[in-house]
Amino acid sequence: MMKEIPTPQYLQEIVNLLYHILMKMPHPADLIPKPLPPETHWLDNQDLMQLLHVSDRTLQRWRAESKLPFSKINGKIWYLENDVNQMLKDGR
């Protein structure tokens, strides 16, 4: 029983095939989970009134005019600190 010796062309085809397979695989660095963004801080109406020295009515107006995004959970209004900072930065 005689074994065949692969030709250089055949070996090159194998190398090319392996190269194409490897090129389709993700880079190992892409498989590392990305860190989560820093924890988001929420402020309620009372916090925000004290922080900005404004009244409840002012906050109500900003919400009605869509100047300040908010979430209402179980009847309580919450604001993302990032949204408040962005509103102040934009000068809305």
PDB file of N, CA and C in Angstrom:
ATOM      1  N   MET A   1       0.834  -1.163   0.000  1.00  0.00           N
ATOM      2  CA  MET A   1       0.000   0.000   0.000  1.00  0.00           C
ATOM      3  C   MET A   1       0.892   1.244   0.000  1.00  0.00           C
ATOM      4  N   MET A   2       0.711   2.032  -1.032  1.00  0.00           N
ATOM      5  CA  MET A   2       1.560   3.182  -1.245  1.00  0.00           C
ATOM      6  C   MET A   2       0.803   4.467  -0.956  1.00  0.00           C
ATOM      7  N   LYS A   3       1.409   5.373  -0.163  1.00  0.00           N
ATOM      8  CA  LYS A   3       0.772   6.636   0.170  1.00  0.00           C
ATOM      9  C   LYS A   3       1.181   7.682  -0.850  1.00  0.00           C
ATOM     10  N   GLU A   4       0.188   8.527  -1.208  1.00  0.00           N
ATOM     11  CA  GLU A   4       0.481   9.606  -2.136  1.00  0.00           C
ATOM     12  C   GLU A   4       1.069  10.793  -1.381  1.00  0.00           C
ATOM     13  N   ILE A   5       2.023  11.452  -1.991  1.00  0.00           N
ATOM     14  CA  ILE A   5       2.607  12.653  -1.425  1.00  0.00           C
ATOM     15  C   ILE A   5       1.866  13.833  -2.037  1.00  0.00           C
ATOM     16  N   PRO A   6       1.331  14.743  -1.193  1.00  0.00           N
ATOM     17  CA  PRO A   6       0.593  15.876  -1.752  1.00  0.00           C
ATOM     18  C   PRO A   6       1.513  16.797  -2.551  1.00  0.00           C
ATOM     19  N   THR A   7       0.975  17.303  -3.612  1.00  0.00           N
ATOM     20  CA  THR A   7       1.745  18.220  -4.463  1.00  0.00           C
ATOM     21  C   THR A   7       1.780  19.596  -3.811  1.00  0.00           C
ATOM     22  N   PRO A   8       2.751  20.432  -4.176  1.00  0.00           N
ATOM     23  CA  PRO A   8       2.794  21.796  -3.640  1.00  0.00           C
ATOM     24  C   PRO A   8       1.529  22.591  -3.961  1.00  0.00           C
ATOM     25  N   GLN A   9       0.937  22.360  -5.132  1.00  0.00           N
ATOM     26  CA  GLN A   9      -0.293  23.070  -5.504  1.00  0.00           C
ATOM     27  C   GLN A   9      -1.450  22.669  -4.587  1.00  0.00           C
ATOM     28  N   TYR A  10      -1.532  21.376  -4.269  1.00  0.00           N
ATOM     29  CA  TYR A  10      -2.581  20.890  -3.383  1.00  0.00           C
ATOM     30  C   TYR A  10      -2.421  21.496  -1.983  1.00  0.00           C
ATOM     31  N   LEU A  11      -1.186  21.527  -1.491  1.00  0.00           N
ATOM     32  CA  LEU A  11      -0.927  22.130  -0.179  1.00  0.00           C
ATOM     33  C   LEU A  11      -1.260  23.612  -0.182  1.00  0.00           C
ATOM     34  N   GLN A  12      -0.964  24.304  -1.293  1.00  0.00           N
ATOM     35  CA  GLN A  12      -1.286  25.726  -1.390  1.00  0.00           C
ATOM     36  C   GLN A  12      -2.801  25.945  -1.368  1.00  0.00           C
ATOM     37  N   GLU A  13      -3.568  25.074  -2.000  1.00  0.00           N
ATOM     38  CA  GLU A  13      -5.030  25.164  -1.974  1.00  0.00           C
ATOM     39  C   GLU A  13      -5.556  25.005  -0.540  1.00  0.00           C
ATOM     40  N   ILE A  14      -4.951  24.095   0.207  1.00  0.00           N
ATOM     41  CA  ILE A  14      -5.356  23.898   1.602  1.00  0.00           C
ATOM     42  C   ILE A  14      -5.050  25.152   2.413  1.00  0.00           C
ATOM     43  N   VAL A  15      -3.861  25.716   2.217  1.00  0.00           N
ATOM     44  CA  VAL A  15      -3.477  26.932   2.928  1.00  0.00           C
ATOM     45  C   VAL A  15      -4.442  28.060   2.584  1.00  0.00           C
ATOM     46  N   ASN A  16      -4.777  28.218   1.294  1.00  0.00           N
ATOM     47  CA  ASN A  16      -5.712  29.264   0.865  1.00  0.00           C
ATOM     48  C   ASN A  16      -7.090  29.068   1.492  1.00  0.00           C
ATOM     49  N   LEU A  17      -7.558  27.845   1.537  1.00  0.00           N
ATOM     50  CA  LEU A  17      -8.853  27.549   2.133  1.00  0.00           C
ATOM     51  C   LEU A  17      -8.847  27.892   3.627  1.00  0.00           C
ATOM     52  N   LEU A  18      -7.804  27.496   4.328  1.00  0.00           N
ATOM     53  CA  LEU A  18      -7.698  27.820   5.749  1.00  0.00           C
ATOM     54  C   LEU A  18      -7.626  29.335   5.973  1.00  0.00           C
ATOM     55  N   TYR A  19      -6.916  30.036   5.097  1.00  0.00           N
ATOM     56  CA  TYR A  19      -6.818  31.485   5.208  1.00  0.00           C
ATOM     57  C   TYR A  19      -8.200  32.125   5.073  1.00  0.00           C
ATOM     58  N   HIS A  20      -8.986  31.697   4.100  1.00  0.00           N
ATOM     59  CA  HIS A  20     -10.331  32.257   3.904  1.00  0.00           C
ATOM     60  C   HIS A  20     -11.244  31.947   5.088  1.00  0.00           C
ATOM     61  N   ILE A  21     -11.100  30.767   5.653  1.00  0.00           N
ATOM     62  CA  ILE A  21     -11.897  30.416   6.833  1.00  0.00           C
ATOM     63  C   ILE A  21     -11.515  31.315   8.002  1.00  0.00           C
ATOM     64  N   LEU A  22     -10.222  31.503   8.218  1.00  0.00           N
ATOM     65  CA  LEU A  22      -9.758  32.355   9.317  1.00  0.00           C
ATOM     66  C   LEU A  22     -10.185  33.803   9.128  1.00  0.00           C
ATOM     67  N   MET A  23     -10.204  34.290   7.915  1.00  0.00           N
ATOM     68  CA  MET A  23     -10.574  35.684   7.662  1.00  0.00           C
ATOM     69  C   MET A  23     -12.052  35.941   7.971  1.00  0.00           C
ATOM     70  N   LYS A  24     -12.872  34.905   7.929  1.00  0.00           N
ATOM     71  CA  LYS A  24     -14.302  35.062   8.226  1.00  0.00           C
ATOM     72  C   LYS A  24     -14.591  34.978   9.723  1.00  0.00           C
ATOM     73  N   MET A  25     -13.623  34.544  10.500  1.00  0.00           N
ATOM     74  CA  MET A  25     -13.813  34.415  11.942  1.00  0.00           C
ATOM     75  C   MET A  25     -13.625  35.780  12.596  1.00  0.00           C
ATOM     76  N   PRO A  26     -14.336  36.029  13.699  1.00  0.00           N
ATOM     77  CA  PRO A  26     -14.151  37.311  14.390  1.00  0.00           C
ATOM     78  C   PRO A  26     -12.768  37.380  15.028  1.00  0.00           C
ATOM     79  N   HIS A  27     -12.285  38.593  15.163  1.00  0.00           N
ATOM     80  CA  HIS A  27     -11.002  38.802  15.833  1.00  0.00           C
ATOM     81  C   HIS A  27     -11.182  38.460  17.310  1.00  0.00           C
ATOM     82  N   PRO A  28     -10.202  37.825  17.920  1.00  0.00           N
ATOM     83  CA  PRO A  28     -10.352  37.458  19.341  1.00  0.00           C
ATOM     84  C   PRO A  28     -10.700  38.637  20.242  1.00  0.00           C
ATOM     85  N   ALA A  29     -10.185  39.817  19.940  1.00  0.00           N
ATOM     86  CA  ALA A  29     -10.491  40.988  20.771  1.00  0.00           C
ATOM     87  C   ALA A  29     -11.972  41.342  20.705  1.00  0.00           C
ATOM     88  N   ASP A  30     -12.629  41.017  19.590  1.00  0.00           N
ATOM     89  CA  ASP A  30     -14.055  41.308  19.449  1.00  0.00           C
ATOM     90  C   ASP A  30     -14.919  40.372  20.292  1.00  0.00           C
ATOM     91  N   LEU A  31     -14.341  39.297  20.781  1.00  0.00           N
ATOM     92  CA  LEU A  31     -15.091  38.326  21.579  1.00  0.00           C
ATOM     93  C   LEU A  31     -15.096  38.682  23.067  1.00  0.00           C
ATOM     94  N   ILE A  32     -14.265  39.641  23.460  1.00  0.00           N
ATOM     95  CA  ILE A  32     -14.212  40.063  24.858  1.00  0.00           C
ATOM     96  C   ILE A  32     -15.418  40.967  25.126  1.00  0.00           C
ATOM     97  N   PRO A  33     -16.209  40.679  26.141  1.00  0.00           N
ATOM     98  CA  PRO A  33     -17.388  41.516  26.418  1.00  0.00           C
ATOM     99  C   PRO A  33     -16.972  42.964  26.705  1.00  0.00           C
ATOM    100  N   LYS A  34     -17.741  43.884  26.169  1.00  0.00           N
ATOM    101  CA  LYS A  34     -17.490  45.309  26.389  1.00  0.00           C
ATOM    102  C   LYS A  34     -18.001  45.689  27.774  1.00  0.00           C
ATOM    103  N   PRO A  35     -17.326  46.616  28.453  1.00  0.00           N
ATOM    104  CA  PRO A  35     -17.810  47.019  29.775  1.00  0.00           C
ATOM    105  C   PRO A  35     -19.147  47.743  29.665  1.00  0.00           C
ATOM    106  N   LEU A  36     -19.962  47.565  30.658  1.00  0.00           N
ATOM    107  CA  LEU A  36     -21.255  48.237  30.691  1.00  0.00           C
ATOM    108  C   LEU A  36     -21.036  49.724  30.986  1.00  0.00           C
ATOM    109  N   PRO A  37     -21.939  50.587  30.484  1.00  0.00           N
ATOM    110  CA  PRO A  37     -21.787  52.009  30.800  1.00  0.00           C
ATOM    111  C   PRO A  37     -21.951  52.228  32.302  1.00  0.00           C
ATOM    112  N   PRO A  38     -21.387  53.326  32.797  1.00  0.00           N
ATOM    113  CA  PRO A  38     -21.523  53.575  34.239  1.00  0.00           C
ATOM    114  C   PRO A  38     -22.986  53.584  34.660  1.00  0.00           C
ATOM    115  N   GLU A  39     -23.221  53.223  35.884  1.00  0.00           N
ATOM    116  CA  GLU A  39     -24.588  53.157  36.390  1.00  0.00           C
ATOM    117  C   GLU A  39     -25.280  54.510  36.220  1.00  0.00           C
ATOM    118  N   THR A  40     -26.495  54.445  35.754  1.00  0.00           N
ATOM    119  CA  THR A  40     -27.284  55.651  35.539  1.00  0.00           C
ATOM    120  C   THR A  40     -27.886  56.100  36.860  1.00  0.00           C
ATOM    121  N   HIS A  41     -27.822  57.383  37.109  1.00  0.00           N
ATOM    122  CA  HIS A  41     -28.365  57.920  38.349  1.00  0.00           C
ATOM    123  C   HIS A  41     -29.693  58.607  38.063  1.00  0.00           C
ATOM    124  N   TRP A  42     -30.703  58.262  38.842  1.00  0.00           N
ATOM    125  CA  TRP A  42     -32.043  58.832  38.695  1.00  0.00           C
ATOM    126  C   TRP A  42     -32.297  59.861  39.791  1.00  0.00           C
ATOM    127  N   LEU A  43     -33.024  60.907  39.432  1.00  0.00           N
ATOM    128  CA  LEU A  43     -33.417  61.938  40.399  1.00  0.00           C
ATOM    129  C   LEU A  43     -34.934  62.034  40.411  1.00  0.00           C
ATOM    130  N   ASP A  44     -35.522  62.187  41.589  1.00  0.00           N
ATOM    131  CA  ASP A  44     -36.969  62.398  41.634  1.00  0.00           C
ATOM    132  C   ASP A  44     -37.244  63.901  41.664  1.00  0.00           C
ATOM    133  N   ASN A  45     -38.521  64.268  41.685  1.00  0.00           N
ATOM    134  CA  ASN A  45     -38.909  65.685  41.660  1.00  0.00           C
ATOM    135  C   ASN A  45     -38.244  66.461  42.799  1.00  0.00           C
ATOM    136  N   GLN A  46     -38.296  65.896  44.002  1.00  0.00           N
ATOM    137  CA  GLN A  46     -37.746  66.576  45.176  1.00  0.00           C
ATOM    138  C   GLN A  46     -36.250  66.818  45.014  1.00  0.00           C
ATOM    139  N   ASP A  47     -35.542  65.786  44.562  1.00  0.00           N
ATOM    140  CA  ASP A  47     -34.092  65.921  44.339  1.00  0.00           C
ATOM    141  C   ASP A  47     -33.801  67.052  43.366  1.00  0.00           C
ATOM    142  N   LEU A  48     -34.547  67.061  42.266  1.00  0.00           N
ATOM    143  CA  LEU A  48     -34.283  68.032  41.206  1.00  0.00           C
ATOM    144  C   LEU A  48     -34.661  69.447  41.627  1.00  0.00           C
ATOM    145  N   MET A  49     -35.749  69.592  42.374  1.00  0.00           N
ATOM    146  CA  MET A  49     -36.129  70.924  42.857  1.00  0.00           C
ATOM    147  C   MET A  49     -35.028  71.493  43.759  1.00  0.00           C
ATOM    148  N   GLN A  50     -34.488  70.656  44.632  1.00  0.00           N
ATOM    149  CA  GLN A  50     -33.426  71.111  45.532  1.00  0.00           C
ATOM    150  C   GLN A  50     -32.127  71.377  44.779  1.00  0.00           C
ATOM    151  N   LEU A  51     -31.819  70.524  43.843  1.00  0.00           N
ATOM    152  CA  LEU A  51     -30.571  70.651  43.092  1.00  0.00           C
ATOM    153  C   LEU A  51     -30.543  71.916  42.234  1.00  0.00           C
ATOM    154  N   LEU A  52     -31.667  72.201  41.553  1.00  0.00           N
ATOM    155  CA  LEU A  52     -31.716  73.333  40.627  1.00  0.00           C
ATOM    156  C   LEU A  52     -32.344  74.590  41.235  1.00  0.00           C
ATOM    157  N   HIS A  53     -32.857  74.472  42.450  1.00  0.00           N
ATOM    158  CA  HIS A  53     -33.532  75.604  43.109  1.00  0.00           C
ATOM    159  C   HIS A  53     -34.691  76.122  42.256  1.00  0.00           C
ATOM    160  N   VAL A  54     -35.534  75.175  41.844  1.00  0.00           N
ATOM    161  CA  VAL A  54     -36.722  75.514  41.066  1.00  0.00           C
ATOM    162  C   VAL A  54     -37.937  74.912  41.757  1.00  0.00           C
ATOM    163  N   SER A  55     -39.106  75.375  41.339  1.00  0.00           N
ATOM    164  CA  SER A  55     -40.346  74.886  41.946  1.00  0.00           C
ATOM    165  C   SER A  55     -40.867  73.653  41.207  1.00  0.00           C
ATOM    166  N   ASP A  56     -41.832  73.009  41.850  1.00  0.00           N
ATOM    167  CA  ASP A  56     -42.509  71.877  41.224  1.00  0.00           C
ATOM    168  C   ASP A  56     -43.186  72.323  39.926  1.00  0.00           C
ATOM    169  N   ARG A  57     -43.726  73.526  39.942  1.00  0.00           N
ATOM    170  CA  ARG A  57     -44.411  74.074  38.761  1.00  0.00           C
ATOM    171  C   ARG A  57     -43.429  74.246  37.591  1.00  0.00           C
ATOM    172  N   THR A  58     -42.207  74.662  37.881  1.00  0.00           N
ATOM    173  CA  THR A  58     -41.194  74.810  36.826  1.00  0.00           C
ATOM    174  C   THR A  58     -40.884  73.461  36.191  1.00  0.00           C
ATOM    175  N   LEU A  59     -40.714  72.454  37.023  1.00  0.00           N
ATOM    176  CA  LEU A  59     -40.466  71.106  36.491  1.00  0.00           C
ATOM    177  C   LEU A  59     -41.644  70.625  35.659  1.00  0.00           C
ATOM    178  N   GLN A  60     -42.852  70.913  36.133  1.00  0.00           N
ATOM    179  CA  GLN A  60     -44.060  70.529  35.402  1.00  0.00           C
ATOM    180  C   GLN A  60     -44.070  71.203  34.029  1.00  0.00           C
ATOM    181  N   ARG A  61     -43.708  72.487  33.980  1.00  0.00           N
ATOM    182  CA  ARG A  61     -43.682  73.214  32.713  1.00  0.00           C
ATOM    183  C   ARG A  61     -42.624  72.631  31.772  1.00  0.00           C
ATOM    184  N   TRP A  62     -41.448  72.328  32.301  1.00  0.00           N
ATOM    185  CA  TRP A  62     -40.391  71.749  31.470  1.00  0.00           C
ATOM    186  C   TRP A  62     -40.827  70.403  30.896  1.00  0.00           C
ATOM    187  N   ARG A  63     -41.545  69.617  31.697  1.00  0.00           N
ATOM    188  CA  ARG A  63     -42.051  68.333  31.196  1.00  0.00           C
ATOM    189  C   ARG A  63     -43.077  68.573  30.102  1.00  0.00           C
ATOM    190  N   ALA A  64     -44.011  69.507  30.326  1.00  0.00           N
ATOM    191  CA  ALA A  64     -45.072  69.790  29.351  1.00  0.00           C
ATOM    192  C   ALA A  64     -44.494  70.322  28.042  1.00  0.00           C
ATOM    193  N   GLU A  65     -43.423  71.102  28.134  1.00  0.00           N
ATOM    194  CA  GLU A  65     -42.790  71.668  26.943  1.00  0.00           C
ATOM    195  C   GLU A  65     -41.746  70.730  26.329  1.00  0.00           C
ATOM    196  N   SER A  66     -41.649  69.516  26.855  1.00  0.00           N
ATOM    197  CA  SER A  66     -40.686  68.500  26.399  1.00  0.00           C
ATOM    198  C   SER A  66     -39.244  68.987  26.473  1.00  0.00           C
ATOM    199  N   LYS A  67     -38.980  69.846  27.424  1.00  0.00           N
ATOM    200  CA  LYS A  67     -37.605  70.317  27.622  1.00  0.00           C
ATOM    201  C   LYS A  67     -36.792  69.326  28.436  1.00  0.00           C
ATOM    202  N   LEU A  68     -37.491  68.535  29.237  1.00  0.00           N
ATOM    203  CA  LEU A  68     -36.807  67.609  30.126  1.00  0.00           C
ATOM    204  C   LEU A  68     -37.489  66.239  30.070  1.00  0.00           C
ATOM    205  N   PRO A  69     -36.796  65.235  29.514  1.00  0.00           N
ATOM    206  CA  PRO A  69     -37.379  63.887  29.477  1.00  0.00           C
ATOM    207  C   PRO A  69     -37.574  63.344  30.897  1.00  0.00           C
ATOM    208  N   PHE A  70     -38.589  62.534  31.060  1.00  0.00           N
ATOM    209  CA  PHE A  70     -38.874  61.962  32.377  1.00  0.00           C
ATOM    210  C   PHE A  70     -39.540  60.613  32.219  1.00  0.00           C
ATOM    211  N   SER A  71     -39.577  59.881  33.314  1.00  0.00           N
ATOM    212  CA  SER A  71     -40.305  58.610  33.379  1.00  0.00           C
ATOM    213  C   SER A  71     -41.223  58.683  34.584  1.00  0.00           C
ATOM    214  N   LYS A  72     -42.407  58.134  34.412  1.00  0.00           N
ATOM    215  CA  LYS A  72     -43.368  58.096  35.517  1.00  0.00           C
ATOM    216  C   LYS A  72     -43.565  56.638  35.903  1.00  0.00           C
ATOM    217  N   ILE A  73     -43.207  56.334  37.150  1.00  0.00           N
ATOM    218  CA  ILE A  73     -43.304  54.959  37.639  1.00  0.00           C
ATOM    219  C   ILE A  73     -44.127  54.965  38.914  1.00  0.00           C
ATOM    220  N   ASN A  74     -45.253  54.248  38.874  1.00  0.00           N
ATOM    221  CA  ASN A  74     -46.171  54.196  40.025  1.00  0.00           C
ATOM    222  C   ASN A  74     -46.533  55.588  40.527  1.00  0.00           C
ATOM    223  N   GLY A  75     -46.762  56.490  39.588  1.00  0.00           N
ATOM    224  CA  GLY A  75     -47.199  57.831  39.946  1.00  0.00           C
ATOM    225  C   GLY A  75     -46.081  58.782  40.356  1.00  0.00           C
ATOM    226  N   LYS A  76     -44.858  58.283  40.429  1.00  0.00           N
ATOM    227  CA  LYS A  76     -43.729  59.126  40.827  1.00  0.00           C
ATOM    228  C   LYS A  76     -42.896  59.455  39.587  1.00  0.00           C
ATOM    229  N   ILE A  77     -42.464  60.702  39.495  1.00  0.00           N
ATOM    230  CA  ILE A  77     -41.726  61.171  38.327  1.00  0.00           C
ATOM    231  C   ILE A  77     -40.232  61.095  38.605  1.00  0.00           C
ATOM    232  N   TRP A  78     -39.500  60.558  37.618  1.00  0.00           N
ATOM    233  CA  TRP A  78     -38.054  60.377  37.714  1.00  0.00           C
ATOM    234  C   TRP A  78     -37.379  61.000  36.502  1.00  0.00           C
ATOM    235  N   TYR A  79     -36.180  61.510  36.725  1.00  0.00           N
ATOM    236  CA  TYR A  79     -35.386  62.116  35.670  1.00  0.00           C
ATOM    237  C   TYR A  79     -34.005  61.465  35.655  1.00  0.00           C
ATOM    238  N   LEU A  80     -33.487  61.241  34.463  1.00  0.00           N
ATOM    239  CA  LEU A  80     -32.117  60.759  34.357  1.00  0.00           C
ATOM    240  C   LEU A  80     -31.166  61.930  34.564  1.00  0.00           C
ATOM    241  N   GLU A  81     -30.176  61.734  35.399  1.00  0.00           N
ATOM    242  CA  GLU A  81     -29.206  62.796  35.656  1.00  0.00           C
ATOM    243  C   GLU A  81     -28.544  63.262  34.352  1.00  0.00           C
ATOM    244  N   ASN A  82     -28.271  62.335  33.449  1.00  0.00           N
ATOM    245  CA  ASN A  82     -27.658  62.697  32.155  1.00  0.00           C
ATOM    246  C   ASN A  82     -28.570  63.611  31.344  1.00  0.00           C
ATOM    247  N   ASP A  83     -29.890  63.361  31.391  1.00  0.00           N
ATOM    248  CA  ASP A  83     -30.840  64.218  30.671  1.00  0.00           C
ATOM    249  C   ASP A  83     -30.878  65.624  31.267  1.00  0.00           C
ATOM    250  N   VAL A  84     -30.825  65.701  32.592  1.00  0.00           N
ATOM    251  CA  VAL A  84     -30.818  67.010  33.263  1.00  0.00           C
ATOM    252  C   VAL A  84     -29.559  67.772  32.861  1.00  0.00           C
ATOM    253  N   ASN A  85     -28.410  67.087  32.913  1.00  0.00           N
ATOM    254  CA  ASN A  85     -27.145  67.744  32.529  1.00  0.00           C
ATOM    255  C   ASN A  85     -27.180  68.206  31.084  1.00  0.00           C
ATOM    256  N   GLN A  86     -27.763  67.383  30.210  1.00  0.00           N
ATOM    257  CA  GLN A  86     -27.839  67.749  28.795  1.00  0.00           C
ATOM    258  C   GLN A  86     -28.745  68.981  28.605  1.00  0.00           C
ATOM    259  N   MET A  87     -29.872  69.016  29.310  1.00  0.00           N
ATOM    260  CA  MET A  87     -30.767  70.173  29.214  1.00  0.00           C
ATOM    261  C   MET A  87     -30.051  71.442  29.665  1.00  0.00           C
ATOM    262  N   LEU A  88     -29.327  71.356  30.766  1.00  0.00           N
ATOM    263  CA  LEU A  88     -28.589  72.517  31.270  1.00  0.00           C
ATOM    264  C   LEU A  88     -27.490  72.936  30.293  1.00  0.00           C
ATOM    265  N   LYS A  89     -26.839  71.952  29.712  1.00  0.00           N
ATOM    266  CA  LYS A  89     -25.769  72.233  28.747  1.00  0.00           C
ATOM    267  C   LYS A  89     -26.324  72.908  27.496  1.00  0.00           C
ATOM    268  N   ASP A  90     -27.475  72.414  27.026  1.00  0.00           N
ATOM    269  CA  ASP A  90     -28.109  72.969  25.823  1.00  0.00           C
ATOM    270  C   ASP A  90     -28.742  74.322  26.086  1.00  0.00           C
ATOM    271  N   GLY A  91     -28.973  74.647  27.352  1.00  0.00           N
ATOM    272  CA  GLY A  91     -29.597  75.923  27.690  1.00  0.00           C
ATOM    273  C   GLY A  91     -31.053  75.998  27.286  1.00  0.00           C
ATOM    274  N   ARG A  92     -31.739  74.860  27.317  1.00  0.00           N
ATOM    275  CA  ARG A  92     -33.152  74.840  26.905  1.00  0.00           C
ATOM    276  C   ARG A  92     -34.023  75.538  27.897  1.00  0.00           C
TER     277      ARG A  92
END
